[in-house]
């Protein structure tokens, strides 16, 4: 199954790594992450635990996609 992974930033400044299918359904996420301690998107273990929260935050426009440079 093909998935899309990306970083999303909440209005409070915290960052979440989010995995979705090609139709946009959120499959898993991890976070909150500190903006100055990010890794590559493939390095995270995406879990469904906060999917409902991520979905609600997206619907409320409290998250926006970001493309930070990961720390290595």
PDB file of N, CA and C in Angstrom:
ATOM      1  N   UNK A   1       0.844  -1.177   0.000  1.00  0.00           N
ATOM      2  CA  UNK A   1       0.000   0.000   0.000  1.00  0.00           C
ATOM      3  C   UNK A   1       0.889   1.240   0.000  1.00  0.00           C
ATOM      4  N   UNK A   2       0.600   2.166  -0.876  1.00  0.00           N
ATOM      5  CA  UNK A   2       1.327   3.427  -0.928  1.00  0.00           C
ATOM      6  C   UNK A   2       0.760   4.386   0.102  1.00  0.00           C
ATOM      7  N   UNK A   3       1.653   5.042   0.821  1.00  0.00           N
ATOM      8  CA  UNK A   3       1.229   6.039   1.798  1.00  0.00           C
ATOM      9  C   UNK A   3       2.012   7.322   1.576  1.00  0.00           C
ATOM     10  N   UNK A   4       1.473   8.393   2.130  1.00  0.00           N
ATOM     11  CA  UNK A   4       2.099   9.701   2.059  1.00  0.00           C
ATOM     12  C   UNK A   4       2.408  10.124   3.487  1.00  0.00           C
ATOM     13  N   UNK A   5       3.629  10.558   3.715  1.00  0.00           N
ATOM     14  CA  UNK A   5       4.036  11.007   5.043  1.00  0.00           C
ATOM     15  C   UNK A   5       4.457  12.460   4.962  1.00  0.00           C
ATOM     16  N   UNK A   6       4.117  13.197   6.003  1.00  0.00           N
ATOM     17  CA  UNK A   6       4.499  14.603   6.034  1.00  0.00           C
ATOM     18  C   UNK A   6       4.464  15.151   7.440  1.00  0.00           C
ATOM     19  N   UNK A   7       5.112  16.297   7.603  1.00  0.00           N
ATOM     20  CA  UNK A   7       5.094  16.997   8.875  1.00  0.00           C
ATOM     21  C   UNK A   7       3.972  18.029   8.854  1.00  0.00           C
ATOM     22  N   UNK A   8       3.268  18.114   9.967  1.00  0.00           N
ATOM     23  CA  UNK A   8       2.200  19.096  10.146  1.00  0.00           C
ATOM     24  C   UNK A   8       2.470  19.831  11.443  1.00  0.00           C
ATOM     25  N   UNK A   9       2.294  21.153  11.425  1.00  0.00           N
ATOM     26  CA  UNK A   9       2.539  21.952  12.627  1.00  0.00           C
ATOM     27  C   UNK A   9       1.223  22.476  13.180  1.00  0.00           C
ATOM     28  N   UNK A  10       1.047  22.284  14.484  1.00  0.00           N
ATOM     29  CA  UNK A  10      -0.139  22.778  15.189  1.00  0.00           C
ATOM     30  C   UNK A  10       0.059  24.264  15.463  1.00  0.00           C
ATOM     31  N   UNK A  11      -1.037  24.957  15.692  1.00  0.00           N
ATOM     32  CA  UNK A  11      -0.933  26.387  15.982  1.00  0.00           C
ATOM     33  C   UNK A  11      -0.148  26.668  17.260  1.00  0.00           C
ATOM     34  N   UNK A  12       0.050  25.668  18.121  1.00  0.00           N
ATOM     35  CA  UNK A  12       0.845  25.850  19.340  1.00  0.00           C
ATOM     36  C   UNK A  12       2.350  25.668  19.091  1.00  0.00           C
ATOM     37  N   UNK A  13       2.740  25.362  17.852  1.00  0.00           N
ATOM     38  CA  UNK A  13       4.144  25.226  17.485  1.00  0.00           C
ATOM     39  C   UNK A  13       4.659  23.797  17.446  1.00  0.00           C
ATOM     40  N   UNK A  14       3.942  22.863  18.049  1.00  0.00           N
ATOM     41  CA  UNK A  14       4.376  21.463  18.041  1.00  0.00           C
ATOM     42  C   UNK A  14       4.181  20.866  16.654  1.00  0.00           C
ATOM     43  N   UNK A  15       5.016  19.899  16.333  1.00  0.00           N
ATOM     44  CA  UNK A  15       4.981  19.265  15.016  1.00  0.00           C
ATOM     45  C   UNK A  15       4.578  17.805  15.164  1.00  0.00           C
ATOM     46  N   UNK A  16       3.813  17.320  14.194  1.00  0.00           N
ATOM     47  CA  UNK A  16       3.357  15.936  14.155  1.00  0.00           C
ATOM     48  C   UNK A  16       3.770  15.345  12.811  1.00  0.00           C
ATOM     49  N   UNK A  17       4.230  14.103  12.833  1.00  0.00           N
ATOM     50  CA  UNK A  17       4.484  13.365  11.605  1.00  0.00           C
ATOM     51  C   UNK A  17       3.215  12.551  11.340  1.00  0.00           C
ATOM     52  N   UNK A  18       2.664  12.711  10.147  1.00  0.00           N
ATOM     53  CA  UNK A  18       1.367  12.115   9.819  1.00  0.00           C
ATOM     54  C   UNK A  18       1.513  11.249   8.574  1.00  0.00           C
ATOM     55  N   UNK A  19       0.885  10.072   8.624  1.00  0.00           N
ATOM     56  CA  UNK A  19       0.870   9.151   7.491  1.00  0.00           C
ATOM     57  C   UNK A  19      -0.569   9.005   7.014  1.00  0.00           C
ATOM     58  N   UNK A  20      -0.775   9.147   5.711  1.00  0.00           N
ATOM     59  CA  UNK A  20      -2.115   9.001   5.148  1.00  0.00           C
ATOM     60  C   UNK A  20      -2.055   8.139   3.892  1.00  0.00           C
ATOM     61  N   UNK A  21      -3.226   7.648   3.492  1.00  0.00           N
ATOM     62  CA  UNK A  21      -3.263   6.909   2.229  1.00  0.00           C
ATOM     63  C   UNK A  21      -3.347   7.912   1.087  1.00  0.00           C
ATOM     64  N   UNK A  22      -3.345   7.434  -0.137  1.00  0.00           N
ATOM     65  CA  UNK A  22      -3.342   8.332  -1.287  1.00  0.00           C
ATOM     66  C   UNK A  22      -4.668   9.053  -1.477  1.00  0.00           C
ATOM     67  N   UNK A  23      -5.684   8.684  -0.711  1.00  0.00           N
ATOM     68  CA  UNK A  23      -6.973   9.371  -0.756  1.00  0.00           C
ATOM     69  C   UNK A  23      -7.092  10.417   0.346  1.00  0.00           C
ATOM     70  N   UNK A  24      -6.081  10.541   1.209  1.00  0.00           N
ATOM     71  CA  UNK A  24      -6.076  11.536   2.271  1.00  0.00           C
ATOM     72  C   UNK A  24      -6.563  11.043   3.613  1.00  0.00           C
ATOM     73  N   UNK A  25      -6.911   9.772   3.734  1.00  0.00           N
ATOM     74  CA  UNK A  25      -7.344   9.235   5.027  1.00  0.00           C
ATOM     75  C   UNK A  25      -6.128   9.073   5.928  1.00  0.00           C
ATOM     76  N   UNK A  26      -6.206   9.640   7.132  1.00  0.00           N
ATOM     77  CA  UNK A  26      -5.104   9.559   8.086  1.00  0.00           C
ATOM     78  C   UNK A  26      -5.031   8.133   8.640  1.00  0.00           C
ATOM     79  N   UNK A  27      -3.870   7.511   8.512  1.00  0.00           N
ATOM     80  CA  UNK A  27      -3.659   6.139   8.967  1.00  0.00           C
ATOM     81  C   UNK A  27      -2.921   6.059  10.295  1.00  0.00           C
ATOM     82  N   UNK A  28      -2.028   7.001  10.525  1.00  0.00           N
ATOM     83  CA  UNK A  28      -1.244   6.988  11.745  1.00  0.00           C
ATOM     84  C   UNK A  28      -0.511   8.299  11.906  1.00  0.00           C
ATOM     85  N   UNK A  29      -0.052   8.534  13.121  1.00  0.00           N
ATOM     86  CA  UNK A  29       0.673   9.772  13.401  1.00  0.00           C
ATOM     87  C   UNK A  29       1.568   9.559  14.612  1.00  0.00           C
ATOM     88  N   UNK A  30       2.473  10.488  14.787  1.00  0.00           N
ATOM     89  CA  UNK A  30       3.349  10.477  15.955  1.00  0.00           C
ATOM     90  C   UNK A  30       3.601  11.931  16.361  1.00  0.00           C
ATOM     91  N   UNK A  31       3.645  12.158  17.647  1.00  0.00           N
ATOM     92  CA  UNK A  31       3.901  13.508  18.128  1.00  0.00           C
ATOM     93  C   UNK A  31       3.182  13.748  19.434  1.00  0.00           C
ATOM     94  N   UNK A  32       3.371  14.907  19.997  1.00  0.00           N
ATOM     95  CA  UNK A  32       4.037  16.067  19.403  1.00  0.00           C
ATOM     96  C   UNK A  32       5.558  15.925  19.408  1.00  0.00           C
ATOM     97  N   UNK A  33       6.155  16.556  18.411  1.00  0.00           N
ATOM     98  CA  UNK A  33       7.601  16.554  18.237  1.00  0.00           C
ATOM     99  C   UNK A  33       8.114  17.979  18.384  1.00  0.00           C
ATOM    100  N   UNK A  34       9.292  18.117  18.925  1.00  0.00           N
ATOM    101  CA  UNK A  34       9.908  19.439  19.030  1.00  0.00           C
ATOM    102  C   UNK A  34      10.447  19.843  17.653  1.00  0.00           C
ATOM    103  N   UNK A  35      10.187  21.062  17.226  1.00  0.00           N
ATOM    104  CA  UNK A  35      10.648  21.504  15.896  1.00  0.00           C
ATOM    105  C   UNK A  35      12.155  21.398  15.687  1.00  0.00           C
ATOM    106  N   UNK A  36      12.944  21.477  16.755  1.00  0.00           N
ATOM    107  CA  UNK A  36      14.401  21.419  16.603  1.00  0.00           C
ATOM    108  C   UNK A  36      14.971  20.022  16.848  1.00  0.00           C
ATOM    109  N   UNK A  37      14.094  18.999  16.885  1.00  0.00           N
ATOM    110  CA  UNK A  37      14.551  17.625  17.093  1.00  0.00           C
ATOM    111  C   UNK A  37      13.796  16.664  16.167  1.00  0.00           C
ATOM    112  N   UNK A  38      13.790  16.978  14.885  1.00  0.00           N
ATOM    113  CA  UNK A  38      13.074  16.151  13.906  1.00  0.00           C
ATOM    114  C   UNK A  38      14.036  15.214  13.196  1.00  0.00           C
ATOM    115  N   UNK A  39      13.493  14.102  12.736  1.00  0.00           N
ATOM    116  CA  UNK A  39      14.257  13.114  11.981  1.00  0.00           C
ATOM    117  C   UNK A  39      13.562  12.915  10.633  1.00  0.00           C
ATOM    118  N   UNK A  40      14.071  12.027   9.822  1.00  0.00           N
ATOM    119  CA  UNK A  40      13.439  11.728   8.551  1.00  0.00           C
ATOM    120  C   UNK A  40      12.072  11.089   8.755  1.00  0.00           C
ATOM    121  N   UNK A  41      11.157  11.324   7.852  1.00  0.00           N
ATOM    122  CA  UNK A  41       9.789  10.810   7.982  1.00  0.00           C
ATOM    123  C   UNK A  41       9.738   9.286   8.063  1.00  0.00           C
ATOM    124  N   UNK A  42      10.694   8.598   7.490  1.00  0.00           N
ATOM    125  CA  UNK A  42      10.719   7.137   7.535  1.00  0.00           C
ATOM    126  C   UNK A  42      11.201   6.607   8.891  1.00  0.00           C
ATOM    127  N   UNK A  43      11.755   7.480   9.723  1.00  0.00           N
ATOM    128  CA  UNK A  43      12.311   7.062  11.013  1.00  0.00           C
ATOM    129  C   UNK A  43      11.267   6.923  12.121  1.00  0.00           C
ATOM    130  N   UNK A  44      10.044   7.341  11.875  1.00  0.00           N
ATOM    131  CA  UNK A  44       9.016   7.325  12.918  1.00  0.00           C
ATOM    132  C   UNK A  44       8.139   6.079  12.831  1.00  0.00           C
ATOM    133  N   UNK A  45       7.611   5.690  13.971  1.00  0.00           N
ATOM    134  CA  UNK A  45       6.702   4.548  14.081  1.00  0.00           C
ATOM    135  C   UNK A  45       5.275   5.095  14.204  1.00  0.00           C
ATOM    136  N   UNK A  46       4.582   5.169  13.093  1.00  0.00           N
ATOM    137  CA  UNK A  46       3.250   5.766  13.035  1.00  0.00           C
ATOM    138  C   UNK A  46       2.219   4.853  13.683  1.00  0.00           C
ATOM    139  N   UNK A  47       1.430   5.410  14.592  1.00  0.00           N
ATOM    140  CA  UNK A  47       0.420   4.646  15.331  1.00  0.00           C
ATOM    141  C   UNK A  47      -0.942   5.318  15.174  1.00  0.00           C
ATOM    142  N   UNK A  48      -2.028   4.555  15.336  1.00  0.00           N
ATOM    143  CA  UNK A  48      -3.371   5.127  15.191  1.00  0.00           C
ATOM    144  C   UNK A  48      -3.886   5.845  16.438  1.00  0.00           C
ATOM    145  N   UNK A  49      -3.118   5.888  17.524  1.00  0.00           N
ATOM    146  CA  UNK A  49      -3.607   6.413  18.809  1.00  0.00           C
ATOM    147  C   UNK A  49      -4.129   7.847  18.728  1.00  0.00           C
ATOM    148  N   UNK A  50      -3.488   8.724  17.950  1.00  0.00           N
ATOM    149  CA  UNK A  50      -3.921  10.118  17.912  1.00  0.00           C
ATOM    150  C   UNK A  50      -4.578  10.511  16.588  1.00  0.00           C
ATOM    151  N   UNK A  51      -4.972   9.521  15.803  1.00  0.00           N
ATOM    152  CA  UNK A  51      -5.575   9.806  14.494  1.00  0.00           C
ATOM    153  C   UNK A  51      -6.843  10.652  14.631  1.00  0.00           C
ATOM    154  N   UNK A  52      -7.708  10.340  15.593  1.00  0.00           N
ATOM    155  CA  UNK A  52      -8.933  11.128  15.767  1.00  0.00           C
ATOM    156  C   UNK A  52      -8.610  12.577  16.119  1.00  0.00           C
ATOM    157  N   UNK A  53      -7.614  12.769  16.991  1.00  0.00           N
ATOM    158  CA  UNK A  53      -7.226  14.127  17.379  1.00  0.00           C
ATOM    159  C   UNK A  53      -6.659  14.885  16.176  1.00  0.00           C
ATOM    160  N   UNK A  54      -5.801  14.227  15.396  1.00  0.00           N
ATOM    161  CA  UNK A  54      -5.219  14.847  14.197  1.00  0.00           C
ATOM    162  C   UNK A  54      -6.330  15.221  13.219  1.00  0.00           C
ATOM    163  N   UNK A  55      -7.273  14.315  12.991  1.00  0.00           N
ATOM    164  CA  UNK A  55      -8.379  14.564  12.064  1.00  0.00           C
ATOM    165  C   UNK A  55      -9.199  15.767  12.513  1.00  0.00           C
ATOM    166  N   UNK A  56      -9.506  15.847  13.810  1.00  0.00           N
ATOM    167  CA  UNK A  56     -10.264  16.984  14.345  1.00  0.00           C
ATOM    168  C   UNK A  56      -9.479  18.291  14.206  1.00  0.00           C
ATOM    169  N   UNK A  57      -8.185  18.257  14.520  1.00  0.00           N
ATOM    170  CA  UNK A  57      -7.357  19.463  14.419  1.00  0.00           C
ATOM    171  C   UNK A  57      -7.267  19.940  12.967  1.00  0.00           C
ATOM    172  N   UNK A  58      -7.182  19.011  12.031  1.00  0.00           N
ATOM    173  CA  UNK A  58      -7.179  19.392  10.610  1.00  0.00           C
ATOM    174  C   UNK A  58      -8.507  20.027  10.211  1.00  0.00           C
ATOM    175  N   UNK A  59      -9.607  19.445  10.673  1.00  0.00           N
ATOM    176  CA  UNK A  59     -10.934  19.986  10.349  1.00  0.00           C
ATOM    177  C   UNK A  59     -11.109  21.395  10.922  1.00  0.00           C
ATOM    178  N   UNK A  60     -10.491  21.654  12.068  1.00  0.00           N
ATOM    179  CA  UNK A  60     -10.582  22.970  12.705  1.00  0.00           C
ATOM    180  C   UNK A  60      -9.516  23.940  12.182  1.00  0.00           C
ATOM    181  N   UNK A  61      -8.739  23.497  11.221  1.00  0.00           N
ATOM    182  CA  UNK A  61      -7.661  24.295  10.616  1.00  0.00           C
ATOM    183  C   UNK A  61      -6.622  24.753  11.636  1.00  0.00           C
ATOM    184  N   UNK A  62      -6.327  23.857  12.585  1.00  0.00           N
ATOM    185  CA  UNK A  62      -5.306  24.145  13.585  1.00  0.00           C
ATOM    186  C   UNK A  62      -3.958  23.558  13.205  1.00  0.00           C
ATOM    187  N   UNK A  63      -3.915  22.765  12.148  1.00  0.00           N
ATOM    188  CA  UNK A  63      -2.676  22.169  11.653  1.00  0.00           C
ATOM    189  C   UNK A  63      -2.427  22.648  10.229  1.00  0.00           C
ATOM    190  N   UNK A  64      -1.171  22.872   9.908  1.00  0.00           N
ATOM    191  CA  UNK A  64      -0.812  23.171   8.516  1.00  0.00           C
ATOM    192  C   UNK A  64       0.466  22.414   8.163  1.00  0.00           C
ATOM    193  N   UNK A  65       0.548  22.024   6.911  1.00  0.00           N
ATOM    194  CA  UNK A  65       1.692  21.243   6.439  1.00  0.00           C
ATOM    195  C   UNK A  65       2.947  22.105   6.444  1.00  0.00           C
ATOM    196  N   UNK A  66       4.036  21.530   6.903  1.00  0.00           N
ATOM    197  CA  UNK A  66       5.328  22.219   6.905  1.00  0.00           C
ATOM    198  C   UNK A  66       6.369  21.287   6.305  1.00  0.00           C
ATOM    199  N   UNK A  67       7.449  21.879   5.868  1.00  0.00           N
ATOM    200  CA  UNK A  67       8.541  21.097   5.291  1.00  0.00           C
ATOM    201  C   UNK A  67       9.841  21.520   5.974  1.00  0.00           C
ATOM    202  N   UNK A  68       9.988  21.162   7.268  1.00  0.00           N
ATOM    203  CA  UNK A  68      11.209  21.547   7.982  1.00  0.00           C
ATOM    204  C   UNK A  68      12.394  20.691   7.542  1.00  0.00           C
ATOM    205  N   UNK A  69      13.555  21.194   7.801  1.00  0.00           N
ATOM    206  CA  UNK A  69      14.757  20.417   7.549  1.00  0.00           C
ATOM    207  C   UNK A  69      14.999  19.539   8.764  1.00  0.00           C
ATOM    208  N   UNK A  70      14.988  18.202   8.596  1.00  0.00           N
ATOM    209  CA  UNK A  70      15.211  17.324   9.745  1.00  0.00           C
ATOM    210  C   UNK A  70      16.622  17.455  10.298  1.00  0.00           C
ATOM    211  N   UNK A  71      16.735  17.284  11.596  1.00  0.00           N
ATOM    212  CA  UNK A  71      18.048  17.249  12.243  1.00  0.00           C
ATOM    213  C   UNK A  71      18.610  15.833  12.079  1.00  0.00           C
ATOM    214  N   UNK A  72      19.876  15.732  11.863  1.00  0.00           N
ATOM    215  CA  UNK A  72      20.499  14.398  11.752  1.00  0.00           C
ATOM    216  C   UNK A  72      21.674  14.283  12.677  1.00  0.00           C
TER     217      UNK A  72
END
